[in-house]
Amino acid sequence: MDNKATTRLGSQDLVNIARQQYENKQRSKIPTIIAKLASGGKIYPKSHPLHDGTLELRYMTAYDEDILTNSSYIREGVVFDKLLQSIIMSDVNVNDICSVDKDGLILNARVMAYGPEYSVQVQDPKTGNMLDRTIDLTEVQFKLFNLVADDAGEFTYQINPETTIKFAYPKTEITQETVSETINNLITEVNGIRDRAAIENFIRYEFFAKDAKRFREYVKENAPGVDYEMNFEGEDGSTFKAMFPVNSNLFWF
């Protein structure tokens, strides 16, 4: 039986298998760290490999820098996903990692590759001038996350005495979707019903705008993730808080 299975593999298949085994062996020689997830793993089911709140990342090599300069990846907005796919050593699919955790992993990758110093521009609230500042990425904190999930990694929200829903944090960004699409990507159950068509009907005909807005605010306020607000020195020497931007330039000086 084993011989029959082997004969089904063409010569190119065997070459690909051998190449993959070689690449895995070479990658295993690269130093790694155990990175903490911004969510602490609390948003994943108990059976999920990320539920313990950590993930193994290897250091980037010059080959990985090719990913960061790939114009197709940049244009499609998948450059960071492709990078994580390359440097994650844990047995987990990058598509199974929630977006709130990917941000923290990317910061880890940047620090590992080029160090913690990162140049940013922030606006002085007193003068309105844009200031050039350098921050230490190792000082960036994760947001406090106190919600308690069930074994499936879902959270309970009470809309009113008659209606209880469950929701889960999505794997992808939802900021560019419509309100109803955003809510549909969050809700997993309504009063024990998990049928997608029934959930969509609830959102369309029963989830009143006032309640829907309150729910979105609850999810946003309690979402785990990276806290991009830091203290900066103003032109007069005083200190102010501001958000610093993170984009594809994160890996370049």
Protein backbone atom coordinates (compact mmCIF):
# COMPACT_ATOMS: atom_id res chain seq x y z
CA MET A 1 0.00 0.00 0.00
CA ASP A 2 2.86 2.33 0.84
CA ASN A 3 4.51 1.51 -2.49
CA LYS A 4 1.33 2.41 -4.38
CA ALA A 5 1.10 5.73 -2.53
CA THR A 6 4.72 6.46 -3.38
CA THR A 7 4.27 5.74 -7.06
CA ARG A 8 1.49 8.32 -7.24
CA LEU A 9 4.02 11.02 -6.41
CA GLY A 10 5.72 12.49 -9.45
CA SER A 11 9.37 13.45 -9.52
CA GLN A 12 8.48 17.13 -9.04
CA ASP A 13 6.39 16.25 -5.97
CA LEU A 14 9.35 14.45 -4.45
CA VAL A 15 11.60 17.42 -5.22
CA ASN A 16 9.13 19.78 -3.56
CA ILE A 17 8.88 17.59 -0.47
CA ALA A 18 12.67 17.37 -0.21
CA ARG A 19 12.99 21.13 -0.65
CA GLN A 20 10.39 21.80 2.05
CA GLN A 21 12.13 19.44 4.45
CA TYR A 22 15.45 21.17 3.77
CA GLU A 23 13.93 24.63 4.28
CA ASN A 24 12.29 23.56 7.54
CA LYS A 25 15.61 22.18 8.78
CA GLN A 26 17.45 25.39 7.86
CA ARG A 27 14.79 27.59 9.48
CA SER A 28 15.05 25.60 12.68
CA LYS A 29 18.65 26.82 13.03
CA ILE A 30 17.61 30.50 13.15
CA PRO A 31 17.22 31.96 16.68
CA THR A 32 13.67 32.46 17.91
CA ILE A 33 11.74 34.16 20.70
CA ILE A 34 8.46 33.39 22.42
CA ALA A 35 6.23 36.42 21.75
CA LYS A 36 3.21 37.31 23.87
CA LEU A 37 -0.10 37.93 22.13
CA ALA A 38 -1.91 41.23 22.69
CA SER A 39 -5.08 39.30 23.54
CA GLY A 40 -3.30 36.97 25.93
CA GLY A 41 -4.91 34.17 23.94
CA LYS A 42 -8.27 34.87 25.61
CA ILE A 43 -10.12 35.33 22.31
CA TYR A 44 -9.34 31.84 21.03
CA PRO A 45 -11.12 28.57 21.85
CA LYS A 46 -9.51 26.49 24.59
CA SER A 47 -8.52 23.90 21.99
CA HIS A 48 -6.73 26.51 19.85
CA PRO A 49 -2.89 26.44 19.85
CA LEU A 50 -2.83 30.19 20.63
CA HIS A 51 -5.03 29.94 23.71
CA ASP A 52 -1.96 30.00 25.96
CA GLY A 53 -1.24 33.52 24.73
CA THR A 54 2.18 32.95 23.14
CA LEU A 55 3.67 32.23 19.74
CA GLU A 56 7.20 31.42 18.54
CA LEU A 57 8.79 33.85 16.09
CA ARG A 58 12.16 33.47 14.40
CA TYR A 59 14.49 36.33 13.54
CA MET A 60 14.20 37.77 10.05
CA THR A 61 16.88 37.17 7.45
CA ALA A 62 17.80 39.10 4.31
CA TYR A 63 15.49 36.75 2.40
CA ASP A 64 12.54 37.95 4.48
CA GLU A 65 13.30 41.54 3.52
CA ASP A 66 12.29 40.59 -0.02
CA ILE A 67 8.76 40.10 1.30
CA LEU A 68 8.67 43.67 2.63
CA THR A 69 9.63 45.08 -0.76
CA ASN A 70 7.31 42.90 -2.83
CA SER A 71 5.17 45.42 -4.74
CA SER A 72 2.37 42.90 -5.30
CA TYR A 73 2.07 42.14 -1.58
CA ILE A 74 2.11 45.85 -0.74
CA ARG A 75 -0.52 46.63 -3.37
CA GLU A 76 -2.79 43.84 -2.13
CA GLY A 77 -2.29 44.86 1.52
CA VAL A 78 -0.98 41.42 2.55
CA VAL A 79 2.70 42.23 3.09
CA PHE A 80 2.57 41.85 6.89
CA ASP A 81 0.59 38.60 6.65
CA LYS A 82 3.17 37.22 4.24
CA LEU A 83 5.96 38.22 6.59
CA LEU A 84 4.30 36.56 9.58
CA GLN A 85 3.66 33.45 7.50
CA SER A 86 7.39 33.25 6.87
CA ILE A 87 8.71 33.88 10.39
CA ILE A 88 6.14 32.13 12.59
CA MET A 89 7.56 28.86 13.86
CA SER A 90 4.55 27.69 15.87
CA ASP A 91 2.20 25.22 14.22
CA VAL A 92 -0.52 27.75 13.42
CA ASN A 93 -1.97 29.19 10.22
CA VAL A 94 -1.50 32.96 9.94
CA ASN A 95 -5.13 33.21 8.77
CA ASP A 96 -6.23 31.84 12.15
CA ILE A 97 -4.55 34.70 14.03
CA CYS A 98 -6.93 37.53 14.90
CA SER A 99 -6.01 40.95 13.57
CA VAL A 100 -5.72 42.38 17.10
CA ASP A 101 -2.81 40.00 17.70
CA LYS A 102 -1.08 40.43 14.35
CA ASP A 103 -0.22 44.05 15.16
CA GLY A 104 1.73 43.06 18.25
CA LEU A 105 3.55 40.29 16.40
CA ILE A 106 4.60 42.72 13.67
CA LEU A 107 6.04 45.07 16.30
CA ASN A 108 7.97 42.13 17.76
CA ALA A 109 9.29 41.24 14.31
CA ARG A 110 10.43 44.81 13.73
CA VAL A 111 12.29 45.00 17.05
CA MET A 112 13.93 41.64 16.41
CA ALA A 113 15.02 42.67 12.92
CA TYR A 114 16.21 46.26 13.33
CA GLY A 115 16.01 47.18 17.00
CA PRO A 116 13.48 49.17 19.05
CA GLU A 117 14.12 52.73 17.82
CA TYR A 118 11.43 54.03 15.46
CA SER A 119 11.15 57.54 14.03
CA VAL A 120 7.66 59.08 13.95
CA GLN A 121 6.00 62.41 13.32
CA VAL A 122 3.42 63.71 15.80
CA GLN A 123 1.57 67.00 16.04
CA ASP A 124 2.24 69.32 18.96
CA PRO A 125 -1.24 70.17 20.34
CA LYS A 126 -0.11 73.63 21.47
CA THR A 127 1.64 74.86 18.33
CA GLY A 128 0.09 72.62 15.68
CA ASN A 129 3.56 71.91 14.31
CA MET A 130 4.62 68.41 13.25
CA LEU A 131 7.49 67.14 15.39
CA ASP A 132 10.09 64.51 14.56
CA ARG A 133 10.43 62.13 17.47
CA THR A 134 12.01 58.72 18.13
CA ILE A 135 10.22 56.14 20.23
CA ASP A 136 11.27 52.86 21.81
CA LEU A 137 8.99 50.13 20.47
CA THR A 138 9.71 47.92 23.48
CA GLU A 139 7.82 50.47 25.59
CA VAL A 140 4.61 50.01 23.61
CA GLN A 141 1.96 48.42 25.80
CA PHE A 142 -1.00 46.15 25.14
CA LYS A 143 -4.49 47.35 26.02
CA LEU A 144 -6.06 45.92 29.15
CA PHE A 145 -8.43 43.10 28.26
CA ASN A 146 -10.77 41.87 30.96
CA LEU A 147 -13.59 40.13 29.08
CA VAL A 148 -14.04 36.44 29.85
CA ALA A 149 -14.65 34.08 26.94
CA ASP A 150 -16.34 30.71 26.95
CA ASP A 151 -14.57 27.54 25.84
CA ALA A 152 -15.23 28.45 22.20
CA GLY A 153 -13.51 31.83 22.54
CA GLU A 154 -16.82 33.72 22.35
CA PHE A 155 -18.21 36.48 24.53
CA THR A 156 -21.74 37.09 25.82
CA TYR A 157 -23.53 40.42 25.41
CA GLN A 158 -27.02 41.25 26.73
CA ILE A 159 -28.91 43.56 24.37
CA ASN A 160 -32.06 43.58 26.52
CA PRO A 161 -33.80 41.19 28.93
CA GLU A 162 -35.17 39.20 25.99
CA THR A 163 -32.12 39.10 23.73
CA THR A 164 -28.65 37.72 24.36
CA ILE A 165 -25.98 37.45 21.70
CA LYS A 166 -22.53 35.93 21.48
CA PHE A 167 -19.70 37.46 19.51
CA ALA A 168 -16.09 36.72 18.62
CA TYR A 169 -13.29 38.98 17.49
CA PRO A 170 -12.76 38.50 13.73
CA LYS A 171 -9.62 37.28 12.01
CA THR A 172 -9.50 40.25 9.64
CA GLU A 173 -9.87 44.03 9.91
CA ILE A 174 -13.47 45.25 9.78
CA THR A 175 -13.00 49.02 9.68
CA GLN A 176 -13.86 49.45 5.99
CA GLU A 177 -17.11 47.48 6.05
CA THR A 178 -20.67 48.76 6.44
CA VAL A 179 -22.24 48.82 9.89
CA SER A 180 -24.34 45.73 9.23
CA GLU A 181 -21.39 43.81 7.76
CA THR A 182 -19.26 44.71 10.77
CA ILE A 183 -21.91 43.45 13.17
CA ASN A 184 -22.52 40.33 11.09
CA ASN A 185 -18.80 39.49 11.27
CA LEU A 186 -18.89 39.82 15.05
CA ILE A 187 -22.08 38.02 16.06
CA THR A 188 -21.94 34.23 16.25
CA GLU A 189 -25.21 33.50 18.05
CA VAL A 190 -28.56 35.14 18.89
CA ASN A 191 -30.60 33.59 21.70
CA GLY A 192 -28.94 30.24 21.11
CA ILE A 193 -29.47 30.33 17.33
CA ARG A 194 -26.32 30.09 15.18
CA ASP A 195 -27.87 29.89 11.71
CA ARG A 196 -26.26 32.67 9.62
CA ALA A 197 -29.47 33.50 7.75
CA ALA A 198 -31.34 33.91 11.03
CA ILE A 199 -28.58 36.13 12.42
CA GLU A 200 -28.66 38.31 9.29
CA ASN A 201 -32.44 38.64 9.60
CA PHE A 202 -32.05 39.67 13.23
CA ILE A 203 -29.54 42.37 12.26
CA ARG A 204 -31.76 43.60 9.42
CA TYR A 205 -35.15 43.63 11.16
CA GLU A 206 -34.71 43.45 14.95
CA PHE A 207 -31.37 45.00 15.96
CA PHE A 208 -32.39 48.63 16.44
CA ALA A 209 -29.81 51.29 15.58
CA LYS A 210 -29.52 52.54 19.16
CA ASP A 211 -28.77 49.06 20.48
CA ALA A 212 -26.45 48.27 17.57
CA LYS A 213 -24.41 51.41 18.23
CA ARG A 214 -24.12 50.55 21.91
CA PHE A 215 -22.93 47.06 21.00
CA ARG A 216 -20.27 48.36 18.58
CA GLU A 217 -19.00 50.78 21.22
CA TYR A 218 -18.83 47.93 23.76
CA VAL A 219 -16.80 45.76 21.39
CA LYS A 220 -14.44 48.64 20.50
CA GLU A 221 -13.90 49.77 24.09
CA ASN A 222 -13.16 46.24 25.28
CA ALA A 223 -11.12 45.02 22.32
CA PRO A 224 -7.60 43.76 23.00
CA GLY A 225 -4.72 45.06 20.92
CA VAL A 226 -1.73 47.36 20.84
CA ASP A 227 -1.94 50.74 22.56
CA TYR A 228 -0.41 53.15 20.06
CA GLU A 229 -0.71 56.16 22.39
CA MET A 230 2.54 57.31 23.97
CA ASN A 231 4.00 60.34 25.75
CA PHE A 232 5.91 62.86 23.65
CA GLU A 233 7.86 66.00 24.48
CA GLY A 234 6.42 69.21 23.02
CA GLU A 235 8.31 72.20 21.68
CA ASP A 236 8.09 73.99 25.04
CA GLY A 237 9.36 70.96 26.96
CA SER A 238 5.95 69.88 28.22
CA THR A 239 4.58 66.37 27.69
CA PHE A 240 1.56 65.36 25.65
CA LYS A 241 -0.04 62.08 24.60
CA ALA A 242 -0.47 61.19 20.96
CA MET A 243 -1.03 58.21 18.74
CA PHE A 244 1.89 57.23 16.56
CA PRO A 245 1.29 55.83 13.07
CA VAL A 246 2.30 52.34 12.00
CA ASN A 247 2.37 51.47 8.31
CA SER A 248 4.56 49.70 5.76
CA ASN A 249 7.39 52.13 6.64
CA LEU A 250 7.68 50.46 10.04
CA PHE A 251 10.56 48.31 8.78
CA TRP A 252 12.49 51.14 7.14
CA PHE A 253 14.48 54.01 8.60
